[in-house]
Amino acid sequence: MTSAPGLLVAAPRSSSGKTTVALALMRALTRRGLRVRAAKCGPDYIDPAFHQAATGRPSFNLDSFAMAPPLLDALARATTADADLVIAEGSMGLFDGVRAAESRTGANSDIASRYGWPVVLVVDVSGAAQSAAAVALGCRLYDPRVTIAGVILNKVASARHRRLVEAGMDRAGLPVLGALMRDAQLVLPERHLGLIQAGETADLEARLDRLAELAEAGIDLDAVIAAAGGTVPASDEPLPPPPGQRIAVARDAAFSFLYPHLEAGWRGAGAELVPFSPLADEPPPEACDVCWLPGGYPELHASRLAGAGHFLDGLRAFARTRPVHGECGGYMVLGQTLEDADGVTHAMAGLLPVATSYRRRKLHLGYRVARLCGDGLLGRRGARLIGHEFHYASELSPAAPEPDALAQVTDAEGTDLGFAGHRIGTVTGSFFHLVAGDPA
């Protein structure tokens, strides 16, 4: 099995336009007839759906902190197989990660260096001209493991502005692969956890085609293709195993954050994923042996969920005999109550002694290293898992004592965060999204 060459679209910092440029390249090169596969560096669970829409092929997360090297290689290998080109999209800044062992920091640069994927650096040049080259040059010199193939200028104000920026890049010896002009219409709509989900974005296909047209007009696509390189080692590491044979998965606008590599692993092991919609008042299908409530945006649909009697009654009945697990938003729905942004409290399933509030907003963000407090859907007591937490909800109820907690957790640097989540009978849940088991 051959390994397709790859590129990493990254930036010196967040909000530089990585997603815009990455989607533009993915769609433009797909329209050329190339088999483009995408990947997302880090734990973001929204962007892969946009990648799949742009390329027509699944996109996996590649996370050097949360995934052990064999799993990382397996996912990267699966991405490069049956492809002509891989375009990986970074997260945050190129070198931003946690303090951890070298090459295990979660930074984009770990992925670029591990697979030899050259970096296409997206530089937001608004508010700068020649000085933008100094920032790009710093990225080229900071880590000798990483090769900067060239830069794409974003938010260029005028032809004169572009000439000034290009003069600086030329002095720094950095090829300019293209430029996108400043255009507010290019910005994809957002909400509190990032982009509005791909399935909810109006006219997504038209938006992607418009991005492709801008890439065709403003980026040297031949140079981008020629810059790709690297290789991914073969790996026979299995993907994460399924929690059951027939898995009822909540899937609609309120429940959508399930990592693609988990779905692929479950299906690859022979499990069947059976979707149902709580917002359509559908209960978990009776023929399933496990129910999984992913994260999403239940705080935006709390009233509708509270009134979904068939869903709530069916969920309670399911939980009497079979395992149910909720992540983040799913955890909130398994609780007693959910307070929305207007301060209205809505009754939820009542399967876990948890009260949550979106009105009392507080950012919770970061990796979670968890050791399970008991046997359950996610593994045996003492098993170590790595997940990621990103939400603004507050937990109003007290943390569970060890006998009722899902796991004891630390952050990425080992700081003890106490007990997290709950484990009551067949029902478990927590605010962290499972990424992978931790062999350490």
Protein backbone atom coordinates (compact mmCIF):
# COMPACT_ATOMS: atom_id res chain seq x y z
CA MET A 1 0.00 0.00 0.00
CA THR A 2 1.55 3.29 -1.06
CA SER A 3 1.54 6.43 1.07
CA ALA A 4 0.28 9.58 -0.64
CA PRO A 5 2.32 12.77 -0.17
CA GLY A 6 0.96 15.35 2.23
CA LEU A 7 0.94 18.98 3.28
CA LEU A 8 0.07 20.67 6.54
CA VAL A 9 -1.83 23.95 6.36
CA ALA A 10 -0.82 25.83 9.51
CA ALA A 11 -0.40 29.37 10.80
CA PRO A 12 1.60 31.36 13.34
CA ARG A 13 -1.53 31.81 15.49
CA SER A 14 -5.25 31.13 15.71
CA SER A 15 -7.75 33.08 13.61
CA SER A 16 -5.34 33.43 10.69
CA GLY A 17 -7.63 31.75 8.16
CA LYS A 18 -6.33 28.16 8.22
CA THR A 19 -9.75 26.61 7.78
CA THR A 20 -10.67 28.96 4.94
CA VAL A 21 -7.45 28.24 3.06
CA ALA A 22 -7.50 24.51 3.80
CA LEU A 23 -11.08 24.13 2.56
CA ALA A 24 -10.31 26.22 -0.50
CA LEU A 25 -7.37 23.99 -1.39
CA MET A 26 -9.25 20.77 -0.65
CA ARG A 27 -12.19 21.73 -2.83
CA ALA A 28 -10.13 23.21 -5.66
CA LEU A 29 -7.86 20.18 -5.92
CA THR A 30 -10.81 17.80 -5.65
CA ARG A 31 -12.42 19.66 -8.56
CA ARG A 32 -9.24 18.98 -10.54
CA GLY A 33 -9.96 15.28 -10.18
CA LEU A 34 -7.42 14.52 -7.45
CA ARG A 35 -8.34 12.10 -4.68
CA VAL A 36 -7.81 14.45 -1.76
CA ARG A 37 -7.93 13.19 1.82
CA ALA A 38 -7.98 15.57 4.75
CA ALA A 39 -6.95 15.37 8.39
CA LYS A 40 -7.25 17.64 11.40
CA CYS A 41 -4.33 18.08 13.78
CA GLY A 42 -5.51 18.10 17.37
CA PRO A 43 -8.82 17.32 19.06
CA ASP A 44 -11.20 19.58 17.11
CA TYR A 45 -14.40 17.67 16.34
CA ILE A 46 -16.12 20.22 14.06
CA ASP A 47 -13.66 20.77 11.21
CA PRO A 48 -13.49 17.12 9.99
CA ALA A 49 -17.12 17.32 8.84
CA PHE A 50 -16.24 20.36 6.71
CA HIS A 51 -13.26 18.47 5.30
CA GLN A 52 -15.50 15.58 4.29
CA ALA A 53 -17.92 17.98 2.62
CA ALA A 54 -15.06 19.58 0.69
CA THR A 55 -13.41 16.34 -0.46
CA GLY A 56 -16.15 13.74 -0.38
CA ARG A 57 -13.94 11.55 1.81
CA PRO A 58 -13.71 11.04 5.59
CA SER A 59 -11.28 13.12 7.65
CA PHE A 60 -9.57 11.85 10.80
CA ASN A 61 -8.02 13.69 13.73
CA LEU A 62 -4.27 13.26 14.23
CA ASP A 63 -3.26 14.12 17.78
CA SER A 64 0.29 13.54 18.98
CA PHE A 65 -0.63 13.95 22.66
CA ALA A 66 -3.90 12.04 22.88
CA MET A 67 -2.90 9.21 20.55
CA ALA A 68 -0.06 6.79 21.12
CA PRO A 69 2.32 6.59 18.14
CA PRO A 70 0.96 3.26 16.80
CA LEU A 71 -2.60 4.59 16.69
CA LEU A 72 -1.43 7.88 15.23
CA ASP A 73 0.41 6.03 12.47
CA ALA A 74 -2.60 3.81 11.80
CA LEU A 75 -4.85 6.82 11.29
CA ALA A 76 -2.29 8.66 9.20
CA ARG A 77 -1.78 5.56 7.08
CA ALA A 78 -5.52 5.14 6.58
CA THR A 79 -5.64 8.78 5.49
CA THR A 80 -2.86 8.44 2.93
CA ALA A 81 -4.20 5.19 1.47
CA ASP A 82 -6.42 5.46 -1.60
CA ALA A 83 -5.46 9.11 -2.05
CA ASP A 84 -3.38 11.26 -4.37
CA LEU A 85 -2.75 13.99 -1.83
CA VAL A 86 -3.30 14.60 1.87
CA ILE A 87 -4.06 18.07 3.22
CA ALA A 88 -3.91 18.25 6.99
CA GLU A 89 -5.27 21.32 8.75
CA GLY A 90 -3.57 22.55 11.87
CA SER A 91 -5.10 24.01 15.00
CA MET A 92 -4.04 27.12 16.93
CA GLY A 93 -0.46 28.10 16.04
CA LEU A 94 2.01 25.78 14.32
CA PHE A 95 4.03 25.12 17.47
CA ASP A 96 1.30 25.49 20.11
CA GLY A 97 0.91 22.44 22.33
CA VAL A 98 1.18 21.22 25.89
CA ARG A 99 4.35 20.70 27.88
CA ALA A 100 5.01 17.01 27.34
CA ALA A 101 7.59 14.61 25.93
CA GLU A 102 9.15 15.70 22.65
CA SER A 103 6.94 14.85 19.67
CA ARG A 104 4.00 14.18 22.05
CA THR A 105 2.89 17.79 22.65
CA GLY A 106 -0.22 17.84 20.50
CA ALA A 107 1.28 20.61 18.35
CA ASN A 108 0.83 20.69 14.58
CA SER A 109 4.60 20.63 14.22
CA ASP A 110 4.72 17.13 15.74
CA ILE A 111 2.58 15.82 12.90
CA ALA A 112 4.52 17.69 10.20
CA SER A 113 7.86 16.40 11.48
CA ARG A 114 6.68 12.82 12.10
CA TYR A 115 5.46 12.35 8.52
CA GLY A 116 7.70 14.80 6.72
CA TRP A 117 4.73 16.83 5.53
CA PRO A 118 5.87 20.30 4.38
CA VAL A 119 3.98 23.22 5.89
CA VAL A 120 1.97 25.74 3.91
CA LEU A 121 1.95 28.69 6.28
CA VAL A 122 -1.16 30.88 6.24
CA VAL A 123 -0.21 34.40 7.28
CA ASP A 124 -2.87 36.94 8.19
CA VAL A 125 -1.28 40.12 6.85
CA SER A 126 -3.97 42.54 8.00
CA GLY A 127 -2.24 45.33 9.89
CA ALA A 128 1.23 44.44 8.60
CA ALA A 129 3.29 44.51 5.43
CA GLN A 130 7.00 43.57 5.36
CA SER A 131 6.84 42.74 9.08
CA ALA A 132 4.69 39.73 8.25
CA ALA A 133 7.80 38.15 6.75
CA ALA A 134 9.60 38.37 10.08
CA VAL A 135 6.84 36.30 11.68
CA ALA A 136 6.95 33.74 8.88
CA LEU A 137 10.74 33.58 9.02
CA GLY A 138 10.54 32.92 12.75
CA CYS A 139 8.29 29.94 12.04
CA ARG A 140 10.79 28.61 9.50
CA LEU A 141 13.70 28.87 11.95
CA TYR A 142 11.99 27.85 15.20
CA ASP A 143 12.01 24.07 14.71
CA PRO A 144 14.53 22.46 12.33
CA ARG A 145 12.35 19.35 12.10
CA VAL A 146 9.73 21.33 10.15
CA THR A 147 9.97 22.46 6.52
CA ILE A 148 8.04 25.56 5.46
CA ALA A 149 7.18 25.01 1.79
CA GLY A 150 5.83 28.52 1.33
CA VAL A 151 3.24 30.99 2.53
CA ILE A 152 -0.27 31.92 1.51
CA LEU A 153 -1.19 35.49 2.35
CA ASN A 154 -4.63 36.01 3.84
CA LYS A 155 -6.66 39.21 4.24
CA VAL A 156 -4.66 41.19 1.69
CA ALA A 157 -6.08 44.72 1.46
CA SER A 158 -4.95 45.79 -2.04
CA ALA A 159 -2.52 45.10 -4.86
CA ARG A 160 -0.06 47.56 -3.30
CA HIS A 161 -0.38 45.83 0.08
CA ARG A 162 0.37 42.50 -1.57
CA ARG A 163 3.50 43.88 -3.27
CA LEU A 164 4.83 45.18 0.04
CA VAL A 165 4.20 41.89 1.81
CA GLU A 166 5.77 39.91 -1.03
CA ALA A 167 8.86 42.13 -0.90
CA GLY A 168 9.34 41.13 2.73
CA MET A 169 8.79 37.45 1.97
CA ASP A 170 11.29 37.61 -0.87
CA ARG A 171 13.88 39.13 1.46
CA ALA A 172 13.22 36.32 3.95
CA GLY A 173 13.57 33.70 1.21
CA LEU A 174 10.00 32.44 1.61
CA PRO A 175 8.03 31.53 -1.55
CA VAL A 176 4.58 33.09 -1.78
CA LEU A 177 2.21 30.39 -3.05
CA GLY A 178 -0.76 32.69 -3.35
CA ALA A 179 -3.00 35.23 -1.68
CA LEU A 180 -6.62 35.77 -0.70
CA MET A 181 -8.01 39.27 -0.48
CA ARG A 182 -9.78 40.58 2.59
CA ASP A 183 -13.42 39.51 2.21
CA ALA A 184 -15.90 39.21 5.07
CA GLN A 185 -18.04 36.90 2.94
CA LEU A 186 -15.34 34.24 3.14
CA VAL A 187 -15.81 33.83 6.88
CA LEU A 188 -17.85 30.76 7.82
CA PRO A 189 -20.52 31.38 10.49
CA GLU A 190 -19.55 30.59 14.09
CA ARG A 191 -21.08 30.01 17.52
CA HIS A 192 -19.62 29.49 20.98
CA LEU A 193 -17.74 26.23 20.26
CA GLY A 194 -16.42 27.30 16.87
CA LEU A 195 -17.88 26.99 13.39
CA ILE A 196 -21.56 26.33 12.89
CA GLN A 197 -21.60 22.62 12.11
CA ALA A 198 -21.23 21.55 8.50
CA GLY A 199 -24.71 20.03 8.44
CA GLU A 200 -26.24 23.30 9.65
CA THR A 201 -24.29 25.71 7.42
CA ALA A 202 -26.59 27.20 4.81
CA ASP A 203 -25.45 26.83 1.20
CA LEU A 204 -22.34 24.91 2.26
CA GLU A 205 -21.75 23.46 -1.20
CA ALA A 206 -21.97 26.91 -2.79
CA ARG A 207 -19.61 28.31 -0.15
CA LEU A 208 -17.08 25.56 -0.80
CA ASP A 209 -17.25 26.09 -4.54
CA ARG A 210 -16.74 29.82 -4.03
CA LEU A 211 -13.64 29.08 -1.93
CA ALA A 212 -12.38 26.77 -4.68
CA GLU A 213 -12.82 29.53 -7.26
CA LEU A 214 -10.84 31.94 -5.12
CA ALA A 215 -8.07 29.35 -4.72
CA GLU A 216 -8.00 28.76 -8.46
CA ALA A 217 -7.69 32.49 -9.06
CA GLY A 218 -5.33 33.44 -6.27
CA ILE A 219 -3.18 30.40 -5.38
CA ASP A 220 -0.61 28.58 -7.47
CA LEU A 221 -2.18 25.16 -7.17
CA ASP A 222 0.52 23.48 -9.23
CA ALA A 223 3.14 24.79 -6.79
CA VAL A 224 1.07 23.57 -3.86
CA ILE A 225 0.84 20.07 -5.34
CA ALA A 226 4.56 20.05 -6.13
CA ALA A 227 5.39 21.02 -2.55
CA ALA A 228 3.73 17.93 -1.04
CA GLY A 229 5.95 15.23 0.33
CA GLY A 230 6.67 12.91 3.21
CA THR A 231 5.63 9.37 3.95
CA VAL A 232 3.69 7.50 6.61
CA PRO A 233 4.99 4.19 8.00
CA ALA A 234 2.85 1.09 7.73
CA SER A 235 0.90 0.23 10.85
CA ASP A 236 -1.27 -2.70 11.87
CA GLU A 237 -2.54 -1.03 15.06
CA PRO A 238 -6.30 -1.54 15.41
CA LEU A 239 -8.51 1.49 15.85
CA PRO A 240 -10.39 1.89 19.18
CA PRO A 241 -12.80 -1.02 19.74
CA PRO A 242 -16.57 -0.60 19.88
CA PRO A 243 -18.48 -0.45 23.19
CA GLY A 244 -21.09 -2.86 21.85
CA GLN A 245 -22.30 -4.73 18.79
CA ARG A 246 -25.32 -2.55 17.90
CA ILE A 247 -24.77 0.99 19.12
CA ALA A 248 -27.64 3.47 19.27
CA VAL A 249 -26.00 6.85 18.51
CA ALA A 250 -27.92 10.09 19.04
CA ARG A 251 -27.40 12.17 15.93
CA ASP A 252 -29.02 15.52 15.12
CA ALA A 253 -28.37 19.24 15.67
CA ALA A 254 -28.12 18.68 19.44
CA PHE A 255 -25.83 15.61 19.31
CA SER A 256 -23.10 15.54 16.70
CA PHE A 257 -19.59 15.52 18.21
CA LEU A 258 -18.34 11.98 17.72
CA TYR A 259 -14.76 11.58 16.55
CA PRO A 260 -14.59 10.04 13.05
CA HIS A 261 -11.81 7.63 14.03
CA LEU A 262 -14.02 6.16 16.76
CA GLU A 263 -16.83 5.57 14.29
CA ALA A 264 -14.38 4.02 11.83
CA GLY A 265 -12.92 1.77 14.52
CA TRP A 266 -16.32 0.63 15.68
CA ARG A 267 -17.50 -0.17 12.17
CA GLY A 268 -14.18 -1.79 11.29
CA ALA A 269 -14.62 -4.19 14.19
CA GLY A 270 -18.03 -5.22 12.89
CA ALA A 271 -20.28 -3.05 15.06
CA GLU A 272 -23.40 -1.44 13.66
CA LEU A 273 -24.11 2.23 14.43
CA VAL A 274 -27.84 2.93 14.52
CA PRO A 275 -28.64 6.67 14.52
CA PHE A 276 -31.66 8.17 16.20
CA SER A 277 -32.79 11.76 16.77
CA PRO A 278 -33.75 12.96 20.25
CA LEU A 279 -34.89 16.27 18.71
CA ALA A 280 -37.36 14.27 16.60
CA ASP A 281 -38.51 12.63 19.87
CA GLU A 282 -37.07 9.25 18.88
CA PRO A 283 -36.04 6.81 21.64
CA PRO A 284 -32.92 4.66 21.39
CA PRO A 285 -33.74 1.76 19.05
CA GLU A 286 -34.81 -1.21 21.10
CA ALA A 287 -32.70 -3.71 19.14
CA CYS A 288 -29.44 -2.03 20.23
CA ASP A 289 -27.29 -3.19 23.13
CA VAL A 290 -25.56 0.15 23.91
CA CYS A 291 -26.63 3.80 23.72
CA TRP A 292 -24.14 6.63 23.13
CA LEU A 293 -25.08 10.29 23.50
CA PRO A 294 -22.32 12.38 21.90
CA GLY A 295 -21.61 16.01 22.63
CA GLY A 296 -23.21 18.81 20.70
CA TYR A 297 -25.48 21.73 21.51
CA PRO A 298 -28.27 20.54 23.84
CA GLU A 299 -28.11 23.95 25.56
CA LEU A 300 -29.55 25.48 22.37
CA HIS A 301 -32.40 22.95 22.26
CA ALA A 302 -33.09 22.38 25.97
CA SER A 303 -36.82 23.18 25.83
CA ARG A 304 -37.37 20.85 22.90
CA LEU A 305 -35.42 18.05 24.55
CA ALA A 306 -37.29 18.49 27.82
CA GLY A 307 -40.54 18.08 25.90
CA ALA A 308 -39.38 14.99 23.99
CA GLY A 309 -41.28 12.50 26.11
CA HIS A 310 -40.81 9.47 23.87
CA PHE A 311 -37.05 10.08 23.79
CA LEU A 312 -36.69 10.59 27.54
CA ASP A 313 -38.95 7.69 28.52
CA GLY A 314 -37.24 5.44 25.97
CA LEU A 315 -33.81 6.44 27.24
CA ARG A 316 -34.80 5.66 30.84
CA ALA A 317 -36.24 2.30 29.81
CA PHE A 318 -33.11 1.48 27.79
CA ALA A 319 -30.88 2.31 30.76
CA ARG A 320 -32.68 -0.15 33.02
CA THR A 321 -31.09 -3.08 31.18
CA ARG A 322 -28.30 -1.77 28.94
CA PRO A 323 -25.34 0.64 29.14
CA VAL A 324 -25.77 4.31 28.28
CA HIS A 325 -22.89 6.79 28.00
CA GLY A 326 -22.97 10.54 27.50
CA GLU A 327 -20.13 12.87 26.53
CA CYS A 328 -20.30 16.60 27.30
CA GLY A 329 -23.71 17.59 25.87
CA GLY A 330 -24.86 14.01 26.23
CA TYR A 331 -23.76 14.08 29.87
CA MET A 332 -25.84 17.22 30.42
CA VAL A 333 -28.93 15.51 29.01
CA LEU A 334 -28.41 12.46 31.23
CA GLY A 335 -28.52 14.78 34.26
CA GLN A 336 -31.39 16.11 36.33
CA THR A 337 -31.65 19.64 34.94
CA LEU A 338 -30.12 21.97 32.33
CA GLU A 339 -30.32 25.75 32.70
CA ASP A 340 -30.30 27.53 29.34
CA ALA A 341 -28.78 30.91 28.45
CA ASP A 342 -31.97 32.73 29.49
CA GLY A 343 -31.91 31.20 32.96
CA VAL A 344 -34.78 28.79 32.32
CA THR A 345 -34.26 25.40 33.96
CA HIS A 346 -35.37 22.36 31.99
CA ALA A 347 -35.82 18.82 33.30
CA MET A 348 -33.59 16.26 31.61
CA ALA A 349 -33.46 12.44 31.79
CA GLY A 350 -32.62 12.28 35.50
CA LEU A 351 -30.36 9.26 35.09
CA LEU A 352 -27.35 10.95 36.71
CA PRO A 353 -27.36 13.32 39.74
CA VAL A 354 -26.08 16.25 37.69
CA ALA A 355 -27.37 19.81 37.29
CA THR A 356 -25.75 21.95 34.60
CA SER A 357 -26.04 25.56 33.50
CA TYR A 358 -25.19 27.31 30.27
CA ARG A 359 -26.21 30.65 31.75
CA ARG A 360 -23.29 30.52 34.18
CA ARG A 361 -20.74 30.36 31.42
CA LYS A 362 -17.17 29.37 32.12
CA LEU A 363 -14.67 28.07 29.59
CA HIS A 364 -13.42 24.54 30.24
CA LEU A 365 -10.72 23.61 27.75
CA GLY A 366 -7.93 21.07 27.61
CA TYR A 367 -6.82 17.47 27.50
CA ARG A 368 -7.98 15.12 30.23
CA VAL A 369 -6.01 12.07 31.30
CA ALA A 370 -8.47 9.81 33.08
CA ARG A 371 -8.18 6.67 35.19
CA LEU A 372 -11.51 4.84 35.39
CA CYS A 373 -12.94 4.41 38.90
CA GLY A 374 -14.86 1.25 38.01
CA ASP A 375 -15.74 -1.21 35.28
CA GLY A 376 -18.00 0.15 32.57
CA LEU A 377 -18.63 0.90 28.95
CA LEU A 378 -15.26 2.64 28.49
CA GLY A 379 -13.14 -0.10 30.05
CA ARG A 380 -12.07 -1.84 33.22
CA ARG A 381 -11.39 -0.15 36.55
CA GLY A 382 -7.95 1.48 36.49
CA ALA A 383 -7.82 1.79 32.68
CA ARG A 384 -6.28 5.04 31.47
CA LEU A 385 -7.97 7.09 28.79
CA ILE A 386 -7.19 10.39 27.14
CA GLY A 387 -9.92 12.78 26.18
CA HIS A 388 -10.54 16.44 25.55
CA GLU A 389 -12.88 18.92 27.18
CA PHE A 390 -14.22 22.05 25.50
CA HIS A 391 -17.42 23.67 26.72
CA TYR A 392 -18.84 26.69 28.52
CA ALA A 393 -21.36 24.93 30.77
CA SER A 394 -21.01 24.87 34.53
CA GLU A 395 -21.75 21.87 36.70
CA LEU A 396 -23.91 23.12 39.58
CA SER A 397 -24.09 19.82 41.45
CA PRO A 398 -21.14 18.55 43.53
CA ALA A 399 -18.53 16.24 42.08
CA ALA A 400 -19.28 12.56 42.57
CA PRO A 401 -17.44 10.63 45.29
CA GLU A 402 -15.09 7.94 44.02
CA PRO A 403 -17.66 5.08 44.16
CA ASP A 404 -19.99 7.05 41.87
CA ALA A 405 -17.42 8.88 39.72
CA LEU A 406 -16.49 7.89 36.19
CA ALA A 407 -12.80 8.67 36.54
CA GLN A 408 -10.09 10.51 38.38
CA VAL A 409 -8.56 13.01 35.98
CA THR A 410 -5.55 15.23 35.49
CA ASP A 411 -4.76 17.79 32.87
CA ALA A 412 -2.06 17.26 30.25
CA GLU A 413 0.68 18.34 32.66
CA GLY A 414 -0.43 16.03 35.45
CA THR A 415 -2.30 18.54 37.61
CA ASP A 416 -4.90 16.66 39.63
CA LEU A 417 -8.44 17.78 38.70
CA GLY A 418 -10.21 15.40 41.06
CA PHE A 419 -13.05 13.09 40.16
CA ALA A 420 -14.98 13.66 36.94
CA GLY A 421 -18.30 12.45 35.64
CA HIS A 422 -20.67 9.91 37.15
CA ARG A 423 -21.25 6.15 37.06
CA ILE A 424 -24.66 5.12 38.35
CA GLY A 425 -25.71 1.57 37.51
CA THR A 426 -25.55 1.11 33.74
CA VAL A 427 -25.28 4.87 33.07
CA THR A 428 -22.01 6.78 32.74
CA GLY A 429 -21.03 10.20 31.54
CA SER A 430 -18.57 13.06 31.79
CA PHE A 431 -17.70 16.36 30.17
CA PHE A 432 -14.62 14.98 28.39
CA HIS A 433 -14.78 13.51 24.90
CA LEU A 434 -12.94 10.20 24.61
CA VAL A 435 -10.10 10.27 22.08
CA ALA A 436 -8.16 7.07 22.81
CA GLY A 437 -6.92 4.66 25.41
CA ASP A 438 -3.61 5.54 27.02
CA PRO A 439 -1.09 2.67 27.10
CA ALA A 440 1.19 4.57 29.52
